[in-house]
């Protein structure tokens, strides 16, 4: 997981930041690994200046699929952000299994699977 967190930090620094007129947005990058009913979950949050606000990694047992690991990662990251009292969050995901399931394998997002809202 340490290597995953290091890679996530490098990826975060290389990515252009979305331009939003609002201050107080927390930017997150997350990843998960899964193998044989166990999973490693990790996420990093930074502010608009790129200063790290929080990072966590955890290892879970009895995780029965890659999709379940990805969902736990999203849940953990959002709960962590909420515990820091952040409500405006831009979370970047690279969860291929959830994407595959939510698009039905055709690359198009099923509108009933997600209801994203944008920051005004």
PDB file of N, CA and C in Angstrom:
ATOM      1  N   UNK A   1       0.811  -1.190   0.000  1.00  0.00           N
ATOM      2  CA  UNK A   1       0.000   0.000   0.000  1.00  0.00           C
ATOM      3  C   UNK A   1       0.859   1.261   0.000  1.00  0.00           C
ATOM      4  N   UNK A   2       2.047   1.170   0.619  1.00  0.00           N
ATOM      5  CA  UNK A   2       2.923   2.337   0.641  1.00  0.00           C
ATOM      6  C   UNK A   2       3.285   2.764  -0.767  1.00  0.00           C
ATOM      7  N   UNK A   3       3.575   1.793  -1.621  1.00  0.00           N
ATOM      8  CA  UNK A   3       3.885   2.096  -3.024  1.00  0.00           C
ATOM      9  C   UNK A   3       2.676   2.726  -3.712  1.00  0.00           C
ATOM     10  N   UNK A   4       1.487   2.232  -3.408  1.00  0.00           N
ATOM     11  CA  UNK A   4       0.268   2.789  -4.006  1.00  0.00           C
ATOM     12  C   UNK A   4       0.072   4.239  -3.578  1.00  0.00           C
ATOM     13  N   UNK A   5       0.308   4.531  -2.308  1.00  0.00           N
ATOM     14  CA  UNK A   5       0.150   5.912  -1.832  1.00  0.00           C
ATOM     15  C   UNK A   5       1.188   6.810  -2.482  1.00  0.00           C
ATOM     16  N   UNK A   6       2.433   6.340  -2.590  1.00  0.00           N
ATOM     17  CA  UNK A   6       3.474   7.123  -3.255  1.00  0.00           C
ATOM     18  C   UNK A   6       3.092   7.398  -4.711  1.00  0.00           C
ATOM     19  N   UNK A   7       2.602   6.382  -5.402  1.00  0.00           N
ATOM     20  CA  UNK A   7       2.177   6.547  -6.796  1.00  0.00           C
ATOM     21  C   UNK A   7       1.013   7.515  -6.904  1.00  0.00           C
ATOM     22  N   UNK A   8       0.082   7.450  -5.949  1.00  0.00           N
ATOM     23  CA  UNK A   8      -1.064   8.360  -5.962  1.00  0.00           C
ATOM     24  C   UNK A   8      -0.604   9.801  -5.768  1.00  0.00           C
ATOM     25  N   UNK A   9       0.372  10.026  -4.892  1.00  0.00           N
ATOM     26  CA  UNK A   9       0.889  11.380  -4.684  1.00  0.00           C
ATOM     27  C   UNK A   9       1.524  11.913  -5.962  1.00  0.00           C
ATOM     28  N   UNK A  10       2.307  11.072  -6.641  1.00  0.00           N
ATOM     29  CA  UNK A  10       2.912  11.489  -7.904  1.00  0.00           C
ATOM     30  C   UNK A  10       1.852  11.807  -8.941  1.00  0.00           C
ATOM     31  N   UNK A  11       0.827  10.965  -9.022  1.00  0.00           N
ATOM     32  CA  UNK A  11      -0.268  11.179  -9.974  1.00  0.00           C
ATOM     33  C   UNK A  11      -0.997  12.475  -9.648  1.00  0.00           C
ATOM     34  N   UNK A  12      -1.260  12.726  -8.370  1.00  0.00           N
ATOM     35  CA  UNK A  12      -1.962  13.932  -7.941  1.00  0.00           C
ATOM     36  C   UNK A  12      -1.185  15.182  -8.340  1.00  0.00           C
ATOM     37  N   UNK A  13       0.129  15.149  -8.174  1.00  0.00           N
ATOM     38  CA  UNK A  13       0.949  16.310  -8.514  1.00  0.00           C
ATOM     39  C   UNK A  13       1.005  16.546 -10.011  1.00  0.00           C
ATOM     40  N   UNK A  14       0.888  15.492 -10.806  1.00  0.00           N
ATOM     41  CA  UNK A  14       0.981  15.614 -12.262  1.00  0.00           C
ATOM     42  C   UNK A  14      -0.338  16.051 -12.901  1.00  0.00           C
ATOM     43  N   UNK A  15      -1.459  15.886 -12.188  1.00  0.00           N
ATOM     44  CA  UNK A  15      -2.773  16.189 -12.752  1.00  0.00           C
ATOM     45  C   UNK A  15      -3.071  17.683 -12.674  1.00  0.00           C
ATOM     46  N   UNK A  16      -3.643  18.240 -13.737  1.00  0.00           N
ATOM     47  CA  UNK A  16      -4.096  19.632 -13.631  1.00  0.00           C
ATOM     48  C   UNK A  16      -5.289  19.706 -12.689  1.00  0.00           C
ATOM     49  N   UNK A  17      -5.356  20.735 -11.902  1.00  0.00           N
ATOM     50  CA  UNK A  17      -6.462  20.904 -10.964  1.00  0.00           C
ATOM     51  C   UNK A  17      -7.660  21.506 -11.678  1.00  0.00           C
ATOM     52  N   UNK A  18      -8.857  20.972 -11.427  1.00  0.00           N
ATOM     53  CA  UNK A  18     -10.057  21.602 -11.982  1.00  0.00           C
ATOM     54  C   UNK A  18     -10.168  23.026 -11.466  1.00  0.00           C
ATOM     55  N   UNK A  19     -10.602  23.910 -12.321  1.00  0.00           N
ATOM     56  CA  UNK A  19     -10.741  25.312 -11.928  1.00  0.00           C
ATOM     57  C   UNK A  19     -12.169  25.565 -11.461  1.00  0.00           C
ATOM     58  N   UNK A  20     -12.304  25.855 -10.199  1.00  0.00           N
ATOM     59  CA  UNK A  20     -13.599  26.171  -9.606  1.00  0.00           C
ATOM     60  C   UNK A  20     -13.474  27.514  -8.898  1.00  0.00           C
ATOM     61  N   UNK A  21     -14.483  28.330  -8.948  1.00  0.00           N
ATOM     62  CA  UNK A  21     -14.404  29.629  -8.286  1.00  0.00           C
ATOM     63  C   UNK A  21     -14.540  29.544  -6.771  1.00  0.00           C
ATOM     64  N   UNK A  22     -14.803  28.358  -6.225  1.00  0.00           N
ATOM     65  CA  UNK A  22     -15.064  28.217  -4.796  1.00  0.00           C
ATOM     66  C   UNK A  22     -13.814  27.790  -4.034  1.00  0.00           C
ATOM     67  N   UNK A  23     -13.613  28.409  -2.895  1.00  0.00           N
ATOM     68  CA  UNK A  23     -12.565  27.961  -1.988  1.00  0.00           C
ATOM     69  C   UNK A  23     -13.122  26.834  -1.141  1.00  0.00           C
ATOM     70  N   UNK A  24     -12.246  26.135  -0.474  1.00  0.00           N
ATOM     71  CA  UNK A  24     -12.683  25.091   0.440  1.00  0.00           C
ATOM     72  C   UNK A  24     -12.988  23.771  -0.221  1.00  0.00           C
ATOM     73  N   UNK A  25     -12.553  23.564  -1.451  1.00  0.00           N
ATOM     74  CA  UNK A  25     -12.772  22.282  -2.120  1.00  0.00           C
ATOM     75  C   UNK A  25     -11.642  21.347  -1.743  1.00  0.00           C
ATOM     76  N   UNK A  26     -11.989  20.152  -1.385  1.00  0.00           N
ATOM     77  CA  UNK A  26     -11.024  19.118  -1.051  1.00  0.00           C
ATOM     78  C   UNK A  26     -10.884  18.208  -2.272  1.00  0.00           C
ATOM     79  N   UNK A  27      -9.655  18.022  -2.743  1.00  0.00           N
ATOM     80  CA  UNK A  27      -9.401  17.172  -3.898  1.00  0.00           C
ATOM     81  C   UNK A  27      -8.907  15.821  -3.414  1.00  0.00           C
ATOM     82  N   UNK A  28      -9.492  14.768  -3.934  1.00  0.00           N
ATOM     83  CA  UNK A  28      -9.113  13.435  -3.496  1.00  0.00           C
ATOM     84  C   UNK A  28      -8.727  12.537  -4.654  1.00  0.00           C
ATOM     85  N   UNK A  29      -7.833  11.614  -4.360  1.00  0.00           N
ATOM     86  CA  UNK A  29      -7.418  10.593  -5.306  1.00  0.00           C
ATOM     87  C   UNK A  29      -7.428   9.281  -4.543  1.00  0.00           C
ATOM     88  N   UNK A  30      -8.041   8.244  -5.104  1.00  0.00           N
ATOM     89  CA  UNK A  30      -8.177   6.996  -4.362  1.00  0.00           C
ATOM     90  C   UNK A  30      -7.841   5.793  -5.233  1.00  0.00           C
ATOM     91  N   UNK A  31      -7.475   4.696  -4.553  1.00  0.00           N
ATOM     92  CA  UNK A  31      -7.231   3.446  -5.274  1.00  0.00           C
ATOM     93  C   UNK A  31      -7.517   2.277  -4.342  1.00  0.00           C
ATOM     94  N   UNK A  32      -7.698   1.121  -4.942  1.00  0.00           N
ATOM     95  CA  UNK A  32      -7.899  -0.086  -4.154  1.00  0.00           C
ATOM     96  C   UNK A  32      -7.244  -1.269  -4.868  1.00  0.00           C
ATOM     97  N   UNK A  33      -6.878  -2.257  -4.086  1.00  0.00           N
ATOM     98  CA  UNK A  33      -6.379  -3.517  -4.621  1.00  0.00           C
ATOM     99  C   UNK A  33      -7.210  -4.627  -4.001  1.00  0.00           C
ATOM    100  N   UNK A  34      -7.357  -5.717  -4.722  1.00  0.00           N
ATOM    101  CA  UNK A  34      -8.160  -6.820  -4.210  1.00  0.00           C
ATOM    102  C   UNK A  34      -7.543  -8.139  -4.642  1.00  0.00           C
ATOM    103  N   UNK A  35      -7.513  -9.091  -3.726  1.00  0.00           N
ATOM    104  CA  UNK A  35      -7.043 -10.436  -4.050  1.00  0.00           C
ATOM    105  C   UNK A  35      -7.535 -11.399  -2.976  1.00  0.00           C
ATOM    106  N   UNK A  36      -8.172 -12.454  -3.419  1.00  0.00           N
ATOM    107  CA  UNK A  36      -8.566 -13.557  -2.534  1.00  0.00           C
ATOM    108  C   UNK A  36      -9.262 -13.114  -1.249  1.00  0.00           C
ATOM    109  N   UNK A  37     -10.337 -12.394  -1.389  1.00  0.00           N
ATOM    110  CA  UNK A  37     -11.183 -11.998  -0.273  1.00  0.00           C
ATOM    111  C   UNK A  37     -10.527 -11.013   0.701  1.00  0.00           C
ATOM    112  N   UNK A  38      -9.529 -10.268   0.242  1.00  0.00           N
ATOM    113  CA  UNK A  38      -8.964  -9.198   1.063  1.00  0.00           C
ATOM    114  C   UNK A  38      -8.656  -8.013   0.151  1.00  0.00           C
ATOM    115  N   UNK A  39      -8.627  -6.830   0.744  1.00  0.00           N
ATOM    116  CA  UNK A  39      -8.451  -5.626  -0.067  1.00  0.00           C
ATOM    117  C   UNK A  39      -7.615  -4.590   0.669  1.00  0.00           C
ATOM    118  N   UNK A  40      -6.864  -3.841  -0.121  1.00  0.00           N
ATOM    119  CA  UNK A  40      -6.154  -2.676   0.382  1.00  0.00           C
ATOM    120  C   UNK A  40      -6.826  -1.437  -0.187  1.00  0.00           C
ATOM    121  N   UNK A  41      -7.135  -0.484   0.663  1.00  0.00           N
ATOM    122  CA  UNK A  41      -7.816   0.734   0.248  1.00  0.00           C
ATOM    123  C   UNK A  41      -6.944   1.930   0.627  1.00  0.00           C
ATOM    124  N   UNK A  42      -6.891   2.926  -0.231  1.00  0.00           N
ATOM    125  CA  UNK A  42      -6.086   4.109   0.080  1.00  0.00           C
ATOM    126  C   UNK A  42      -6.686   5.334  -0.598  1.00  0.00           C
ATOM    127  N   UNK A  43      -6.484   6.491   0.053  1.00  0.00           N
ATOM    128  CA  UNK A  43      -6.894   7.760  -0.545  1.00  0.00           C
ATOM    129  C   UNK A  43      -6.047   8.883   0.032  1.00  0.00           C
ATOM    130  N   UNK A  44      -5.963   9.946  -0.747  1.00  0.00           N
ATOM    131  CA  UNK A  44      -5.238  11.154  -0.350  1.00  0.00           C
ATOM    132  C   UNK A  44      -6.141  12.346  -0.651  1.00  0.00           C
ATOM    133  N   UNK A  45      -6.196  13.294   0.271  1.00  0.00           N
ATOM    134  CA  UNK A  45      -6.914  14.538   0.051  1.00  0.00           C
ATOM    135  C   UNK A  45      -5.936  15.706   0.125  1.00  0.00           C
ATOM    136  N   UNK A  46      -6.096  16.638  -0.803  1.00  0.00           N
ATOM    137  CA  UNK A  46      -5.289  17.858  -0.803  1.00  0.00           C
ATOM    138  C   UNK A  46      -6.215  19.055  -0.963  1.00  0.00           C
ATOM    139  N   UNK A  47      -5.695  20.231  -0.605  1.00  0.00           N
ATOM    140  CA  UNK A  47      -6.468  21.443  -0.836  1.00  0.00           C
ATOM    141  C   UNK A  47      -6.137  21.991  -2.227  1.00  0.00           C
ATOM    142  N   UNK A  48      -6.677  23.163  -2.552  1.00  0.00           N
ATOM    143  CA  UNK A  48      -6.481  23.725  -3.891  1.00  0.00           C
ATOM    144  C   UNK A  48      -5.032  24.083  -4.174  1.00  0.00           C
ATOM    145  N   UNK A  49      -4.229  24.271  -3.124  1.00  0.00           N
ATOM    146  CA  UNK A  49      -2.815  24.583  -3.308  1.00  0.00           C
ATOM    147  C   UNK A  49      -1.957  23.330  -3.433  1.00  0.00           C
ATOM    148  N   UNK A  50      -2.576  22.161  -3.277  1.00  0.00           N
ATOM    149  CA  UNK A  50      -1.839  20.904  -3.366  1.00  0.00           C
ATOM    150  C   UNK A  50      -1.264  20.436  -2.041  1.00  0.00           C
ATOM    151  N   UNK A  51      -1.587  21.133  -0.952  1.00  0.00           N
ATOM    152  CA  UNK A  51      -1.109  20.727   0.372  1.00  0.00           C
ATOM    153  C   UNK A  51      -1.937  19.546   0.866  1.00  0.00           C
ATOM    154  N   UNK A  52      -1.261  18.511   1.323  1.00  0.00           N
ATOM    155  CA  UNK A  52      -1.957  17.320   1.788  1.00  0.00           C
ATOM    156  C   UNK A  52      -2.724  17.616   3.066  1.00  0.00           C
ATOM    157  N   UNK A  53      -4.006  17.254   3.069  1.00  0.00           N
ATOM    158  CA  UNK A  53      -4.861  17.445   4.235  1.00  0.00           C
ATOM    159  C   UNK A  53      -5.066  16.146   4.998  1.00  0.00           C
ATOM    160  N   UNK A  54      -5.089  15.032   4.263  1.00  0.00           N
ATOM    161  CA  UNK A  54      -5.319  13.748   4.897  1.00  0.00           C
ATOM    162  C   UNK A  54      -4.939  12.640   3.929  1.00  0.00           C
ATOM    163  N   UNK A  55      -4.442  11.547   4.461  1.00  0.00           N
ATOM    164  CA  UNK A  55      -4.234  10.339   3.651  1.00  0.00           C
ATOM    165  C   UNK A  55      -4.450   9.140   4.559  1.00  0.00           C
ATOM    166  N   UNK A  56      -5.019   8.118   4.004  1.00  0.00           N
ATOM    167  CA  UNK A  56      -5.286   6.905   4.779  1.00  0.00           C
ATOM    168  C   UNK A  56      -5.097   5.695   3.888  1.00  0.00           C
ATOM    169  N   UNK A  57      -4.695   4.623   4.522  1.00  0.00           N
ATOM    170  CA  UNK A  57      -4.695   3.326   3.855  1.00  0.00           C
ATOM    171  C   UNK A  57      -5.110   2.288   4.886  1.00  0.00           C
ATOM    172  N   UNK A  58      -5.923   1.363   4.463  1.00  0.00           N
ATOM    173  CA  UNK A  58      -6.393   0.312   5.358  1.00  0.00           C
ATOM    174  C   UNK A  58      -6.429  -1.001   4.598  1.00  0.00           C
ATOM    175  N   UNK A  59      -6.384  -2.076   5.340  1.00  0.00           N
ATOM    176  CA  UNK A  59      -6.452  -3.412   4.779  1.00  0.00           C
ATOM    177  C   UNK A  59      -7.660  -4.109   5.380  1.00  0.00           C
ATOM    178  N   UNK A  60      -8.508  -4.669   4.533  1.00  0.00           N
ATOM    179  CA  UNK A  60      -9.733  -5.324   4.997  1.00  0.00           C
ATOM    180  C   UNK A  60      -9.758  -6.793   4.589  1.00  0.00           C
ATOM    181  N   UNK A  61     -10.314  -7.608   5.449  1.00  0.00           N
ATOM    182  CA  UNK A  61     -10.550  -9.019   5.142  1.00  0.00           C
ATOM    183  C   UNK A  61     -12.038  -9.210   4.826  1.00  0.00           C
ATOM    184  N   UNK A  62     -12.368 -10.324   4.219  1.00  0.00           N
ATOM    185  CA  UNK A  62     -13.748 -10.676   3.876  1.00  0.00           C
ATOM    186  C   UNK A  62     -14.354  -9.703   2.866  1.00  0.00           C
ATOM    187  N   UNK A  63     -13.540  -9.276   1.918  1.00  0.00           N
ATOM    188  CA  UNK A  63     -14.006  -8.455   0.795  1.00  0.00           C
ATOM    189  C   UNK A  63     -14.050  -9.408  -0.391  1.00  0.00           C
ATOM    190  N   UNK A  64     -15.235  -9.654  -0.934  1.00  0.00           N
ATOM    191  CA  UNK A  64     -15.425 -10.758  -1.845  1.00  0.00           C
ATOM    192  C   UNK A  64     -15.328 -10.424  -3.325  1.00  0.00           C
ATOM    193  N   UNK A  65     -15.084  -9.156  -3.666  1.00  0.00           N
ATOM    194  CA  UNK A  65     -14.927  -8.822  -5.081  1.00  0.00           C
ATOM    195  C   UNK A  65     -14.168  -7.506  -5.228  1.00  0.00           C
ATOM    196  N   UNK A  66     -13.638  -7.294  -6.412  1.00  0.00           N
ATOM    197  CA  UNK A  66     -12.954  -6.032  -6.719  1.00  0.00           C
ATOM    198  C   UNK A  66     -13.947  -4.866  -6.632  1.00  0.00           C
ATOM    199  N   UNK A  67     -15.154  -5.098  -7.116  1.00  0.00           N
ATOM    200  CA  UNK A  67     -16.192  -4.059  -7.071  1.00  0.00           C
ATOM    201  C   UNK A  67     -16.489  -3.656  -5.624  1.00  0.00           C
ATOM    202  N   UNK A  68     -16.552  -4.633  -4.736  1.00  0.00           N
ATOM    203  CA  UNK A  68     -16.798  -4.363  -3.326  1.00  0.00           C
ATOM    204  C   UNK A  68     -15.648  -3.541  -2.733  1.00  0.00           C
ATOM    205  N   UNK A  69     -14.413  -3.857  -3.105  1.00  0.00           N
ATOM    206  CA  UNK A  69     -13.246  -3.099  -2.632  1.00  0.00           C
ATOM    207  C   UNK A  69     -13.316  -1.655  -3.116  1.00  0.00           C
ATOM    208  N   UNK A  70     -13.683  -1.461  -4.373  1.00  0.00           N
ATOM    209  CA  UNK A  70     -13.795  -0.117  -4.928  1.00  0.00           C
ATOM    210  C   UNK A  70     -14.884   0.677  -4.214  1.00  0.00           C
ATOM    211  N   UNK A  71     -16.004   0.041  -3.930  1.00  0.00           N
ATOM    212  CA  UNK A  71     -17.101   0.715  -3.231  1.00  0.00           C
ATOM    213  C   UNK A  71     -16.692   1.086  -1.804  1.00  0.00           C
ATOM    214  N   UNK A  72     -15.990   0.196  -1.107  1.00  0.00           N
ATOM    215  CA  UNK A  72     -15.506   0.498   0.236  1.00  0.00           C
ATOM    216  C   UNK A  72     -14.520   1.669   0.227  1.00  0.00           C
ATOM    217  N   UNK A  73     -13.719   1.762  -0.832  1.00  0.00           N
ATOM    218  CA  UNK A  73     -12.759   2.858  -0.934  1.00  0.00           C
ATOM    219  C   UNK A  73     -13.489   4.193  -1.075  1.00  0.00           C
ATOM    220  N   UNK A  74     -14.492   4.232  -1.931  1.00  0.00           N
ATOM    221  CA  UNK A  74     -15.278   5.462  -2.096  1.00  0.00           C
ATOM    222  C   UNK A  74     -15.946   5.826  -0.777  1.00  0.00           C
ATOM    223  N   UNK A  75     -16.567   4.852  -0.125  1.00  0.00           N
ATOM    224  CA  UNK A  75     -17.236   5.099   1.145  1.00  0.00           C
ATOM    225  C   UNK A  75     -16.244   5.622   2.186  1.00  0.00           C
ATOM    226  N   UNK A  76     -15.100   4.973   2.309  1.00  0.00           N
ATOM    227  CA  UNK A  76     -14.103   5.390   3.289  1.00  0.00           C
ATOM    228  C   UNK A  76     -13.586   6.790   3.031  1.00  0.00           C
ATOM    229  N   UNK A  77     -13.315   7.096   1.759  1.00  0.00           N
ATOM    230  CA  UNK A  77     -12.810   8.420   1.403  1.00  0.00           C
ATOM    231  C   UNK A  77     -13.845   9.500   1.721  1.00  0.00           C
ATOM    232  N   UNK A  78     -15.092   9.253   1.381  1.00  0.00           N
ATOM    233  CA  UNK A  78     -16.139  10.247   1.646  1.00  0.00           C
ATOM    234  C   UNK A  78     -16.403  10.418   3.138  1.00  0.00           C
ATOM    235  N   UNK A  79     -16.377   9.323   3.897  1.00  0.00           N
ATOM    236  CA  UNK A  79     -16.547   9.428   5.349  1.00  0.00           C
ATOM    237  C   UNK A  79     -15.380  10.178   5.980  1.00  0.00           C
ATOM    238  N   UNK A  80     -14.165   9.928   5.475  1.00  0.00           N
ATOM    239  CA  UNK A  80     -12.991  10.641   5.969  1.00  0.00           C
ATOM    240  C   UNK A  80     -13.117  12.134   5.693  1.00  0.00           C
ATOM    241  N   UNK A  81     -13.532  12.495   4.482  1.00  0.00           N
ATOM    242  CA  UNK A  81     -13.716  13.916   4.137  1.00  0.00           C
ATOM    243  C   UNK A  81     -14.783  14.549   5.028  1.00  0.00           C
ATOM    244  N   UNK A  82     -15.866  13.836   5.266  1.00  0.00           N
ATOM    245  CA  UNK A  82     -16.929  14.362   6.128  1.00  0.00           C
ATOM    246  C   UNK A  82     -16.426  14.552   7.553  1.00  0.00           C
ATOM    247  N   UNK A  83     -15.583  13.636   8.041  1.00  0.00           N
ATOM    248  CA  UNK A  83     -15.049  13.763   9.400  1.00  0.00           C
ATOM    249  C   UNK A  83     -14.133  14.979   9.527  1.00  0.00           C
ATOM    250  N   UNK A  84     -13.560  15.426   8.402  1.00  0.00           N
ATOM    251  CA  UNK A  84     -12.733  16.632   8.387  1.00  0.00           C
ATOM    252  C   UNK A  84     -13.578  17.884   8.157  1.00  0.00           C
ATOM    253  N   UNK A  85     -14.895  17.691   8.087  1.00  0.00           N
ATOM    254  CA  UNK A  85     -15.871  18.768   7.893  1.00  0.00           C
ATOM    255  C   UNK A  85     -15.774  19.416   6.511  1.00  0.00           C
ATOM    256  N   UNK A  86     -15.432  18.621   5.504  1.00  0.00           N
ATOM    257  CA  UNK A  86     -15.437  19.095   4.122  1.00  0.00           C
ATOM    258  C   UNK A  86     -16.721  18.635   3.454  1.00  0.00           C
ATOM    259  N   UNK A  87     -17.328  19.543   2.709  1.00  0.00           N
ATOM    260  CA  UNK A  87     -18.570  19.220   2.018  1.00  0.00           C
ATOM    261  C   UNK A  87     -18.449  19.375   0.514  1.00  0.00           C
ATOM    262  N   UNK A  88     -17.440  20.120   0.056  1.00  0.00           N
ATOM    263  CA  UNK A  88     -17.169  20.267  -1.379  1.00  0.00           C
ATOM    264  C   UNK A  88     -15.966  19.409  -1.715  1.00  0.00           C
ATOM    265  N   UNK A  89     -16.224  18.296  -2.405  1.00  0.00           N
ATOM    266  CA  UNK A  89     -15.193  17.303  -2.647  1.00  0.00           C
ATOM    267  C   UNK A  89     -15.124  16.988  -4.131  1.00  0.00           C
ATOM    268  N   UNK A  90     -13.916  16.947  -4.651  1.00  0.00           N
ATOM    269  CA  UNK A  90     -13.675  16.502  -6.016  1.00  0.00           C
ATOM    270  C   UNK A  90     -12.842  15.235  -5.898  1.00  0.00           C
ATOM    271  N   UNK A  91     -13.477  14.080  -6.044  1.00  0.00           N
ATOM    272  CA  UNK A  91     -12.819  12.789  -5.853  1.00  0.00           C
ATOM    273  C   UNK A  91     -12.558  12.141  -7.202  1.00  0.00           C
ATOM    274  N   UNK A  92     -11.296  11.902  -7.504  1.00  0.00           N
ATOM    275  CA  UNK A  92     -10.927  11.248  -8.764  1.00  0.00           C
ATOM    276  C   UNK A  92     -10.838   9.745  -8.531  1.00  0.00           C
ATOM    277  N   UNK A  93     -11.453   9.012  -9.421  1.00  0.00           N
ATOM    278  CA  UNK A  93     -11.522   7.562  -9.284  1.00  0.00           C
ATOM    279  C   UNK A  93     -10.987   6.888 -10.531  1.00  0.00           C
ATOM    280  N   UNK A  94     -10.385   5.754 -10.347  1.00  0.00           N
ATOM    281  CA  UNK A  94      -9.970   4.922 -11.474  1.00  0.00           C
ATOM    282  C   UNK A  94     -10.417   3.491 -11.184  1.00  0.00           C
ATOM    283  N   UNK A  95     -11.712   3.341 -11.005  1.00  0.00           N
ATOM    284  CA  UNK A  95     -12.252   2.060 -10.602  1.00  0.00           C
ATOM    285  C   UNK A  95     -12.893   1.364 -11.793  1.00  0.00           C
ATOM    286  N   UNK A  96     -12.103   0.578 -12.459  1.00  0.00           N
ATOM    287  CA  UNK A  96     -12.519  -0.058 -13.706  1.00  0.00           C
ATOM    288  C   UNK A  96     -13.687  -1.016 -13.523  1.00  0.00           C
ATOM    289  N   UNK A  97     -13.732  -1.737 -12.409  1.00  0.00           N
ATOM    290  CA  UNK A  97     -14.826  -2.693 -12.204  1.00  0.00           C
ATOM    291  C   UNK A  97     -16.158  -1.979 -12.009  1.00  0.00           C
ATOM    292  N   UNK A  98     -16.176  -0.931 -11.192  1.00  0.00           N
ATOM    293  CA  UNK A  98     -17.415  -0.168 -11.015  1.00  0.00           C
ATOM    294  C   UNK A  98     -17.837   0.498 -12.317  1.00  0.00           C
ATOM    295  N   UNK A  99     -16.864   1.010 -13.064  1.00  0.00           N
ATOM    296  CA  UNK A  99     -17.173   1.629 -14.349  1.00  0.00           C
ATOM    297  C   UNK A  99     -17.763   0.597 -15.302  1.00  0.00           C
ATOM    298  N   UNK A 100     -17.147  -0.584 -15.341  1.00  0.00           N
ATOM    299  CA  UNK A 100     -17.638  -1.644 -16.227  1.00  0.00           C
ATOM    300  C   UNK A 100     -19.067  -2.031 -15.856  1.00  0.00           C
ATOM    301  N   UNK A 101     -19.336  -2.179 -14.566  1.00  0.00           N
ATOM    302  CA  UNK A 101     -20.678  -2.560 -14.128  1.00  0.00           C
ATOM    303  C   UNK A 101     -21.698  -1.457 -14.364  1.00  0.00           C
ATOM    304  N   UNK A 102     -21.304  -0.208 -14.136  1.00  0.00           N
ATOM    305  CA  UNK A 102     -22.259   0.893 -14.272  1.00  0.00           C
ATOM    306  C   UNK A 102     -22.533   1.261 -15.727  1.00  0.00           C
ATOM    307  N   UNK A 103     -21.653   0.861 -16.635  1.00  0.00           N
ATOM    308  CA  UNK A 103     -21.865   1.185 -18.045  1.00  0.00           C
ATOM    309  C   UNK A 103     -22.418   0.005 -18.820  1.00  0.00           C
ATOM    310  N   UNK A 104     -22.552  -1.135 -18.154  1.00  0.00           N
ATOM    311  CA  UNK A 104     -23.031  -2.314 -18.862  1.00  0.00           C
ATOM    312  C   UNK A 104     -22.016  -2.816 -19.887  1.00  0.00           C
ATOM    313  N   UNK A 105     -20.747  -2.427 -19.720  1.00  0.00           N
ATOM    314  CA  UNK A 105     -19.687  -2.890 -20.606  1.00  0.00           C
ATOM    315  C   UNK A 105     -19.572  -2.117 -21.905  1.00  0.00           C
ATOM    316  N   UNK A 106     -20.441  -1.126 -22.139  1.00  0.00           N
ATOM    317  CA  UNK A 106     -20.409  -0.418 -23.423  1.00  0.00           C
ATOM    318  C   UNK A 106     -19.729   0.947 -23.343  1.00  0.00           C
ATOM    319  N   UNK A 107     -19.191   1.308 -22.172  1.00  0.00           N
ATOM    320  CA  UNK A 107     -18.500   2.583 -22.034  1.00  0.00           C
ATOM    321  C   UNK A 107     -19.411   3.768 -21.775  1.00  0.00           C
ATOM    322  N   UNK A 108     -20.714   3.552 -21.808  1.00  0.00           N
ATOM    323  CA  UNK A 108     -21.667   4.636 -21.536  1.00  0.00           C
ATOM    324  C   UNK A 108     -22.204   4.485 -20.131  1.00  0.00           C
ATOM    325  N   UNK A 109     -22.184   5.570 -19.386  1.00  0.00           N
ATOM    326  CA  UNK A 109     -22.640   5.545 -18.008  1.00  0.00           C
ATOM    327  C   UNK A 109     -24.151   5.390 -17.961  1.00  0.00           C
ATOM    328  N   UNK A 110     -24.601   4.437 -17.170  1.00  0.00           N
ATOM    329  CA  UNK A 110     -26.019   4.216 -16.947  1.00  0.00           C
ATOM    330  C   UNK A 110     -26.519   5.326 -16.036  1.00  0.00           C
ATOM    331  N   UNK A 111     -27.433   6.126 -16.506  1.00  0.00           N
ATOM    332  CA  UNK A 111     -27.889   7.285 -15.737  1.00  0.00           C
ATOM    333  C   UNK A 111     -28.572   6.889 -14.441  1.00  0.00           C
ATOM    334  N   UNK A 112     -29.041   5.654 -14.316  1.00  0.00           N
ATOM    335  CA  UNK A 112     -29.656   5.230 -13.073  1.00  0.00           C
ATOM    336  C   UNK A 112     -28.608   4.766 -12.065  1.00  0.00           C
ATOM    337  N   UNK A 113     -27.375   4.520 -12.517  1.00  0.00           N
ATOM    338  CA  UNK A 113     -26.337   4.050 -11.600  1.00  0.00           C
ATOM    339  C   UNK A 113     -25.751   5.190 -10.774  1.00  0.00           C
ATOM    340  N   UNK A 114     -25.592   6.353 -11.368  1.00  0.00           N
ATOM    341  CA  UNK A 114     -25.004   7.497 -10.670  1.00  0.00           C
ATOM    342  C   UNK A 114     -25.850   8.731 -10.951  1.00  0.00           C
ATOM    343  N   UNK A 115     -25.921   9.586  -9.979  1.00  0.00           N
ATOM    344  CA  UNK A 115     -26.579  10.867 -10.155  1.00  0.00           C
ATOM    345  C   UNK A 115     -25.611  11.958  -9.739  1.00  0.00           C
ATOM    346  N   UNK A 116     -24.615  12.259 -10.584  1.00  0.00           N
ATOM    347  CA  UNK A 116     -23.631  13.266 -10.195  1.00  0.00           C
ATOM    348  C   UNK A 116     -24.241  14.665 -10.187  1.00  0.00           C
ATOM    349  N   UNK A 117     -23.753  15.479  -9.286  1.00  0.00           N
ATOM    350  CA  UNK A 117     -24.151  16.877  -9.258  1.00  0.00           C
ATOM    351  C   UNK A 117     -22.901  17.708  -9.439  1.00  0.00           C
ATOM    352  N   UNK A 118     -23.038  18.852 -10.036  1.00  0.00           N
ATOM    353  CA  UNK A 118     -21.881  19.707 -10.284  1.00  0.00           C
ATOM    354  C   UNK A 118     -21.865  20.858  -9.284  1.00  0.00           C
ATOM    355  N   UNK A 119     -20.680  21.391  -9.097  1.00  0.00           N
ATOM    356  CA  UNK A 119     -20.525  22.552  -8.222  1.00  0.00           C
ATOM    357  C   UNK A 119     -20.901  23.782  -9.026  1.00  0.00           C
ATOM    358  N   UNK A 120     -21.853  24.584  -8.522  1.00  0.00           N
ATOM    359  CA  UNK A 120     -22.273  25.773  -9.294  1.00  0.00           C
ATOM    360  C   UNK A 120     -21.175  26.797  -9.390  1.00  0.00           C
TER     361      UNK A 120
END
